[in-house]
PDB file of all heavy atoms in Angstrom:
ATOM      1  N   SER A   1       0.816  -1.220   0.004  1.00  0.00           N
ATOM      2  CA  SER A   1       0.005  -0.011  -0.002  1.00  0.00           C
ATOM      3  C   SER A   1       0.852   1.272  -0.004  1.00  0.00           C
ATOM      4  O   SER A   1       0.303   2.374  -0.198  1.00  0.00           O
ATOM      5  CB  SER A   1      -0.926  -0.003   1.208  1.00  0.00           C
ATOM      6  OG  SER A   1      -0.180   0.019   2.412  1.00  0.00           O
ATOM      7  N   MET A   2       2.139   1.119   0.198  1.00  0.00           N
ATOM      8  CA  MET A   2       3.022   2.271   0.216  1.00  0.00           C
ATOM      9  C   MET A   2       3.570   2.575  -1.172  1.00  0.00           C
ATOM     10  O   MET A   2       3.638   1.689  -2.043  1.00  0.00           O
ATOM     11  CB  MET A   2       4.188   2.054   1.204  1.00  0.00           C
ATOM     12  CG  MET A   2       3.756   2.064   2.655  1.00  0.00           C
ATOM     13  SD  MET A   2       5.047   1.487   3.809  1.00  0.00           S
ATOM     14  CE  MET A   2       6.418   2.540   3.360  1.00  0.00           C
ATOM     15  N   SER A   3       3.980   3.797  -1.405  1.00  0.00           N
ATOM     16  CA  SER A   3       4.517   4.175  -2.702  1.00  0.00           C
ATOM     17  C   SER A   3       5.898   3.574  -2.917  1.00  0.00           C
ATOM     18  O   SER A   3       6.570   3.110  -1.978  1.00  0.00           O
ATOM     19  CB  SER A   3       4.606   5.704  -2.802  1.00  0.00           C
ATOM     20  OG  SER A   3       5.638   6.198  -1.932  1.00  0.00           O
ATOM     21  N   VAL A   4       6.340   3.602  -4.160  1.00  0.00           N
ATOM     22  CA  VAL A   4       7.689   3.169  -4.509  1.00  0.00           C
ATOM     23  C   VAL A   4       8.707   3.979  -3.712  1.00  0.00           C
ATOM     24  O   VAL A   4       9.651   3.407  -3.120  1.00  0.00           O
ATOM     25  CB  VAL A   4       7.932   3.333  -6.020  1.00  0.00           C
ATOM     26  CG1 VAL A   4       9.415   3.137  -6.378  1.00  0.00           C
ATOM     27  CG2 VAL A   4       7.059   2.347  -6.809  1.00  0.00           C
ATOM     28  N   LEU A   5       8.539   5.284  -3.679  1.00  0.00           N
ATOM     29  CA  LEU A   5       9.465   6.157  -2.963  1.00  0.00           C
ATOM     30  C   LEU A   5       9.556   5.756  -1.484  1.00  0.00           C
ATOM     31  O   LEU A   5      10.667   5.614  -0.937  1.00  0.00           O
ATOM     32  CB  LEU A   5       9.016   7.607  -3.086  1.00  0.00           C
ATOM     33  CG  LEU A   5       9.808   8.632  -2.255  1.00  0.00           C
ATOM     34  CD1 LEU A   5      11.269   8.664  -2.664  1.00  0.00           C
ATOM     35  CD2 LEU A   5       9.174  10.024  -2.373  1.00  0.00           C
ATOM     36  N   ASP A   6       8.419   5.535  -0.844  1.00  0.00           N
ATOM     37  CA  ASP A   6       8.436   5.234   0.585  1.00  0.00           C
ATOM     38  C   ASP A   6       9.012   3.846   0.864  1.00  0.00           C
ATOM     39  O   ASP A   6       9.669   3.637   1.884  1.00  0.00           O
ATOM     40  CB  ASP A   6       7.029   5.349   1.178  1.00  0.00           C
ATOM     41  CG  ASP A   6       6.600   6.808   1.336  1.00  0.00           C
ATOM     42  OD1 ASP A   6       7.481   7.686   1.389  1.00  0.00           O
ATOM     43  OD2 ASP A   6       5.392   7.067   1.409  1.00  0.00           O
ATOM     44  N   ASN A   7       8.759   2.878  -0.023  1.00  0.00           N
ATOM     45  CA  ASN A   7       9.366   1.572   0.138  1.00  0.00           C
ATOM     46  C   ASN A   7      10.894   1.667   0.103  1.00  0.00           C
ATOM     47  O   ASN A   7      11.589   1.023   0.906  1.00  0.00           O
ATOM     48  CB  ASN A   7       8.896   0.605  -0.954  1.00  0.00           C
ATOM     49  CG  ASN A   7       7.701  -0.204  -0.557  1.00  0.00           C
ATOM     50  OD1 ASN A   7       7.816  -1.262   0.060  1.00  0.00           O
ATOM     51  ND2 ASN A   7       6.516   0.297  -0.909  1.00  0.00           N
ATOM     52  N   ILE A   8      11.417   2.476  -0.779  1.00  0.00           N
ATOM     53  CA  ILE A   8      12.871   2.617  -0.883  1.00  0.00           C
ATOM     54  C   ILE A   8      13.409   3.375   0.319  1.00  0.00           C
ATOM     55  O   ILE A   8      14.502   3.039   0.832  1.00  0.00           O
ATOM     56  CB  ILE A   8      13.251   3.293  -2.201  1.00  0.00           C
ATOM     57  CG1 ILE A   8      12.773   2.447  -3.389  1.00  0.00           C
ATOM     58  CG2 ILE A   8      14.760   3.523  -2.311  1.00  0.00           C
ATOM     59  CD1 ILE A   8      12.918   3.110  -4.750  1.00  0.00           C
ATOM     60  N   ARG A   9      12.677   4.369   0.785  1.00  0.00           N
ATOM     61  CA  ARG A   9      13.098   5.101   1.981  1.00  0.00           C
ATOM     62  C   ARG A   9      13.204   4.158   3.185  1.00  0.00           C
ATOM     63  O   ARG A   9      14.118   4.292   4.006  1.00  0.00           O
ATOM     64  CB  ARG A   9      12.107   6.220   2.302  1.00  0.00           C
ATOM     65  CG  ARG A   9      12.334   7.503   1.497  1.00  0.00           C
ATOM     66  CD  ARG A   9      11.160   8.470   1.652  1.00  0.00           C
ATOM     67  NE  ARG A   9      10.703   8.582   3.031  1.00  0.00           N
ATOM     68  CZ  ARG A   9      11.184   9.482   3.898  1.00  0.00           C
ATOM     69  NH1 ARG A   9      12.131  10.320   3.533  1.00  0.00           N
ATOM     70  NH2 ARG A   9      10.707   9.522   5.134  1.00  0.00           N
ATOM     71  N   VAL A  10      12.291   3.188   3.289  1.00  0.00           N
ATOM     72  CA  VAL A  10      12.344   2.222   4.366  1.00  0.00           C
ATOM     73  C   VAL A  10      13.687   1.465   4.345  1.00  0.00           C
ATOM     74  O   VAL A  10      14.301   1.210   5.395  1.00  0.00           O
ATOM     75  CB  VAL A  10      11.162   1.241   4.283  1.00  0.00           C
ATOM     76  CG1 VAL A  10      11.389   0.023   5.204  1.00  0.00           C
ATOM     77  CG2 VAL A  10       9.858   1.927   4.638  1.00  0.00           C
ATOM     78  N   GLY A  11      14.145   1.126   3.151  1.00  0.00           N
ATOM     79  CA  GLY A  11      15.403   0.406   3.034  1.00  0.00           C
ATOM     80  C   GLY A  11      16.587   1.190   3.550  1.00  0.00           C
ATOM     81  O   GLY A  11      17.571   0.602   4.024  1.00  0.00           O
ATOM     82  N   GLY A  12      16.527   2.513   3.464  1.00  0.00           N
ATOM     83  CA  GLY A  12      17.638   3.331   3.926  1.00  0.00           C
ATOM     84  C   GLY A  12      17.528   3.761   5.381  1.00  0.00           C
ATOM     85  O   GLY A  12      18.413   4.444   5.898  1.00  0.00           O
ATOM     86  N   HIS A  13      16.474   3.341   6.046  1.00  0.00           N
ATOM     87  CA  HIS A  13      16.219   3.824   7.396  1.00  0.00           C
ATOM     88  C   HIS A  13      17.316   3.445   8.375  1.00  0.00           C
ATOM     89  O   HIS A  13      17.648   4.204   9.288  1.00  0.00           O
ATOM     90  CB  HIS A  13      14.886   3.303   7.897  1.00  0.00           C
ATOM     91  CG  HIS A  13      14.444   3.925   9.178  1.00  0.00           C
ATOM     92  ND1 HIS A  13      14.626   3.306  10.411  1.00  0.00           N
ATOM     93  CD2 HIS A  13      13.834   5.114   9.449  1.00  0.00           C
ATOM     94  CE1 HIS A  13      14.156   4.091  11.368  1.00  0.00           C
ATOM     95  NE2 HIS A  13      13.673   5.176  10.824  1.00  0.00           N
ATOM     96  N   ARG A  14      17.941   2.260   8.185  1.00  0.00           N
ATOM     97  CA  ARG A  14      18.966   1.836   9.111  1.00  0.00           C
ATOM     98  C   ARG A  14      20.232   2.704   9.007  1.00  0.00           C
ATOM     99  O   ARG A  14      21.076   2.700   9.896  1.00  0.00           O
ATOM    100  CB  ARG A  14      19.342   0.388   8.859  1.00  0.00           C
ATOM    101  CG  ARG A  14      18.252  -0.589   9.169  1.00  0.00           C
ATOM    102  CD  ARG A  14      17.863  -0.642  10.616  1.00  0.00           C
ATOM    103  NE  ARG A  14      18.950  -1.110  11.476  1.00  0.00           N
ATOM    104  CZ  ARG A  14      18.842  -1.285  12.773  1.00  0.00           C
ATOM    105  NH1 ARG A  14      17.709  -1.000  13.379  1.00  0.00           N
ATOM    106  NH2 ARG A  14      19.864  -1.716  13.496  1.00  0.00           N
ATOM    107  N   GLN A  15      20.357   3.426   7.870  1.00  0.00           N
ATOM    108  CA  GLN A  15      21.494   4.333   7.732  1.00  0.00           C
ATOM    109  C   GLN A  15      21.281   5.640   8.482  1.00  0.00           C
ATOM    110  O   GLN A  15      22.209   6.425   8.660  1.00  0.00           O
ATOM    111  CB  GLN A  15      21.707   4.651   6.246  1.00  0.00           C
ATOM    112  CG  GLN A  15      22.042   3.434   5.363  1.00  0.00           C
ATOM    113  CD  GLN A  15      23.396   2.844   5.732  1.00  0.00           C
ATOM    114  OE1 GLN A  15      24.358   3.559   5.944  1.00  0.00           O
ATOM    115  NE2 GLN A  15      23.468   1.522   5.776  1.00  0.00           N
ATOM    116  N   SER A  16      20.043   5.849   8.915  1.00  0.00           N
ATOM    117  CA  SER A  16      19.691   7.106   9.607  1.00  0.00           C
ATOM    118  C   SER A  16      19.713   6.873  11.120  1.00  0.00           C
ATOM    119  O   SER A  16      19.019   5.978  11.626  1.00  0.00           O
ATOM    120  CB  SER A  16      18.310   7.569   9.173  1.00  0.00           C
ATOM    121  OG  SER A  16      17.884   8.675   9.899  1.00  0.00           O
ATOM    122  N   ARG A  17      20.521   7.641  11.830  1.00  0.00           N
ATOM    123  CA  ARG A  17      20.644   7.451  13.289  1.00  0.00           C
ATOM    124  C   ARG A  17      19.847   8.511  14.025  1.00  0.00           C
ATOM    125  O   ARG A  17      20.359   9.562  14.420  1.00  0.00           O
ATOM    126  CB  ARG A  17      22.120   7.525  13.704  1.00  0.00           C
ATOM    127  CG  ARG A  17      22.980   6.472  13.003  1.00  0.00           C
ATOM    128  CD  ARG A  17      22.524   5.074  13.401  1.00  0.00           C
ATOM    129  NE  ARG A  17      23.314   4.033  12.723  1.00  0.00           N
ATOM    130  CZ  ARG A  17      23.063   2.745  12.790  1.00  0.00           C
ATOM    131  NH1 ARG A  17      22.043   2.322  13.497  1.00  0.00           N
ATOM    132  NH2 ARG A  17      23.834   1.885  12.151  1.00  0.00           N
ATOM    133  N   GLY A  18      18.560   8.254  14.171  1.00  0.00           N
ATOM    134  CA  GLY A  18      17.724   9.221  14.862  1.00  0.00           C
ATOM    135  C   GLY A  18      17.337   8.724  16.245  1.00  0.00           C
ATOM    136  O   GLY A  18      17.835   7.711  16.722  1.00  0.00           O
ATOM    137  N   ASN A  19      16.448   9.448  16.891  1.00  0.00           N
ATOM    138  CA  ASN A  19      15.886   8.998  18.167  1.00  0.00           C
ATOM    139  C   ASN A  19      14.454   9.496  18.260  1.00  0.00           C
ATOM    140  O   ASN A  19      14.029  10.379  17.508  1.00  0.00           O
ATOM    141  CB  ASN A  19      16.717   9.516  19.350  1.00  0.00           C
ATOM    142  CG  ASN A  19      16.812  11.026  19.382  1.00  0.00           C
ATOM    143  OD1 ASN A  19      15.830  11.709  19.664  1.00  0.00           O
ATOM    144  ND2 ASN A  19      17.991  11.572  19.103  1.00  0.00           N
ATOM    145  N   PHE A  20      13.710   8.905  19.170  1.00  0.00           N
ATOM    146  CA  PHE A  20      12.276   9.179  19.236  1.00  0.00           C
ATOM    147  C   PHE A  20      11.999  10.649  19.492  1.00  0.00           C
ATOM    148  O   PHE A  20      11.107  11.231  18.869  1.00  0.00           O
ATOM    149  CB  PHE A  20      11.655   8.320  20.351  1.00  0.00           C
ATOM    150  CG  PHE A  20      10.197   8.608  20.581  1.00  0.00           C
ATOM    151  CD1 PHE A  20       9.230   8.116  19.717  1.00  0.00           C
ATOM    152  CD2 PHE A  20       9.792   9.405  21.637  1.00  0.00           C
ATOM    153  CE1 PHE A  20       7.889   8.390  19.905  1.00  0.00           C
ATOM    154  CE2 PHE A  20       8.452   9.708  21.825  1.00  0.00           C
ATOM    155  CZ  PHE A  20       7.505   9.186  20.968  1.00  0.00           C
ATOM    156  N   LEU A  21      12.748  11.267  20.390  1.00  0.00           N
ATOM    157  CA  LEU A  21      12.459  12.642  20.770  1.00  0.00           C
ATOM    158  C   LEU A  21      12.661  13.609  19.597  1.00  0.00           C
ATOM    159  O   LEU A  21      11.755  14.407  19.258  1.00  0.00           O
ATOM    160  CB  LEU A  21      13.347  13.068  21.950  1.00  0.00           C
ATOM    161  CG  LEU A  21      13.137  14.490  22.459  1.00  0.00           C
ATOM    162  CD1 LEU A  21      11.707  14.670  22.974  1.00  0.00           C
ATOM    163  CD2 LEU A  21      14.153  14.843  23.542  1.00  0.00           C
ATOM    164  N   SER A  22      13.830  13.542  18.944  1.00  0.00           N
ATOM    165  CA  SER A  22      14.099  14.476  17.869  1.00  0.00           C
ATOM    166  C   SER A  22      13.163  14.230  16.683  1.00  0.00           C
ATOM    167  O   SER A  22      12.734  15.177  16.017  1.00  0.00           O
ATOM    168  CB  SER A  22      15.558  14.374  17.431  1.00  0.00           C
ATOM    169  OG  SER A  22      15.836  13.094  16.908  1.00  0.00           O
ATOM    170  N   ASP A  23      12.839  12.951  16.433  1.00  0.00           N
ATOM    171  CA  ASP A  23      11.954  12.637  15.312  1.00  0.00           C
ATOM    172  C   ASP A  23      10.529  13.127  15.590  1.00  0.00           C
ATOM    173  O   ASP A  23       9.872  13.697  14.710  1.00  0.00           O
ATOM    174  CB  ASP A  23      11.960  11.130  15.031  1.00  0.00           C
ATOM    175  CG  ASP A  23      13.271  10.638  14.446  1.00  0.00           C
ATOM    176  OD1 ASP A  23      14.095  11.480  14.038  1.00  0.00           O
ATOM    177  OD2 ASP A  23      13.476   9.413  14.410  1.00  0.00           O
ATOM    178  N   SER A  24      10.035  12.883  16.789  1.00  0.00           N
ATOM    179  CA  SER A  24       8.645  13.269  17.107  1.00  0.00           C
ATOM    180  C   SER A  24       8.484  14.784  17.168  1.00  0.00           C
ATOM    181  O   SER A  24       7.420  15.311  16.840  1.00  0.00           O
ATOM    182  CB  SER A  24       8.208  12.632  18.418  1.00  0.00           C
ATOM    183  OG  SER A  24       9.038  13.082  19.488  1.00  0.00           O
ATOM    184  N   LEU A  25       9.547  15.512  17.580  1.00  0.00           N
ATOM    185  CA  LEU A  25       9.467  16.957  17.683  1.00  0.00           C
ATOM    186  C   LEU A  25       9.860  17.660  16.388  1.00  0.00           C
ATOM    187  O   LEU A  25       9.708  18.879  16.269  1.00  0.00           O
ATOM    188  CB  LEU A  25      10.370  17.463  18.813  1.00  0.00           C
ATOM    189  CG  LEU A  25       9.980  17.041  20.213  1.00  0.00           C
ATOM    190  CD1 LEU A  25      10.982  17.550  21.243  1.00  0.00           C
ATOM    191  CD2 LEU A  25       8.571  17.517  20.562  1.00  0.00           C
ATOM    192  N   GLY A  26      10.336  16.894  15.413  1.00  0.00           N
ATOM    193  CA  GLY A  26      10.728  17.499  14.144  1.00  0.00           C
ATOM    194  C   GLY A  26      11.907  18.452  14.290  1.00  0.00           C
ATOM    195  O   GLY A  26      11.935  19.517  13.655  1.00  0.00           O
ATOM    196  N   LEU A  27      12.868  18.089  15.132  1.00  0.00           N
ATOM    197  CA  LEU A  27      14.022  18.931  15.332  1.00  0.00           C
ATOM    198  C   LEU A  27      14.878  19.003  14.062  1.00  0.00           C
ATOM    199  O   LEU A  27      14.778  18.136  13.181  1.00  0.00           O
ATOM    200  CB  LEU A  27      14.852  18.404  16.519  1.00  0.00           C
ATOM    201  CG  LEU A  27      14.145  18.410  17.868  1.00  0.00           C
ATOM    202  CD1 LEU A  27      15.054  17.869  18.956  1.00  0.00           C
ATOM    203  CD2 LEU A  27      13.648  19.800  18.217  1.00  0.00           C
ATOM    204  N   PRO A  28      15.713  20.029  13.921  1.00  0.00           N
ATOM    205  CA  PRO A  28      16.500  20.206  12.688  1.00  0.00           C
ATOM    206  C   PRO A  28      17.293  18.971  12.274  1.00  0.00           C
ATOM    207  O   PRO A  28      17.357  18.641  11.079  1.00  0.00           O
ATOM    208  CB  PRO A  28      17.414  21.383  13.015  1.00  0.00           C
ATOM    209  CG  PRO A  28      16.639  22.177  14.011  1.00  0.00           C
ATOM    210  CD  PRO A  28      15.899  21.189  14.843  1.00  0.00           C
ATOM    211  N   ALA A  29      17.886  18.267  13.248  1.00  0.00           N
ATOM    212  CA  ALA A  29      18.652  17.070  12.911  1.00  0.00           C
ATOM    213  C   ALA A  29      17.770  16.015  12.269  1.00  0.00           C
ATOM    214  O   ALA A  29      18.163  15.339  11.307  1.00  0.00           O
ATOM    215  CB  ALA A  29      19.341  16.502  14.144  1.00  0.00           C
ATOM    216  N   ALA A  30      16.552  15.876  12.768  1.00  0.00           N
ATOM    217  CA  ALA A  30      15.611  14.899  12.212  1.00  0.00           C
ATOM    218  C   ALA A  30      15.176  15.295  10.826  1.00  0.00           C
ATOM    219  O   ALA A  30      15.036  14.459   9.928  1.00  0.00           O
ATOM    220  CB  ALA A  30      14.390  14.760  13.141  1.00  0.00           C
TER     221      ALA A  30
END
């Protein structure tokens, strides 16, 4: 049900080192 773009983004997610707080608040690093 997800787009081609979003499926590929999922594959790269492990390369992104985020955390719950910065991601949920939309901080600049996120």
